[in-house]
């Protein structure tokens, strides 16, 4: 299953191909947002740009997805709501973390972006623990 790329989010997927995590920025008022959209939620301007994020954040919340099956994914799947250092929240697939138990993901834990290269045209962000960040 591939994401739908349109004129509102093309910059994001162009960035992931270059292994950059891009956030939409309103050129009128400077507010950052994700997911992207056609107009600024703060000032209503249609003047959009982007910034390259540091690619680090803190787990605000998370869940372990057991069902239904997701095409191309092995379940269970750890999904986090991540507070990026830039102040934007993003839904994040977390890799390399047991789905449950004492070594499972924790709220407040630090994550860093990594890249899942699907093919020459599609690279997706995937998130991993920052060593030493366990609470």
Foldseek 3Di string as FASTA:
>chain_A
DDDDDDPFCVVQFVQLLVPFHKWKAAPVPGDTEPPTDQADPPPGDRRIDIDTAPQKWFFQAKAFDADDDDPPDDPRWIWTFTQGPVRYTDIATEPPAPRDDPRHDDGGFMKGWDWDDPDSRGIDTHIYGDPPRDD
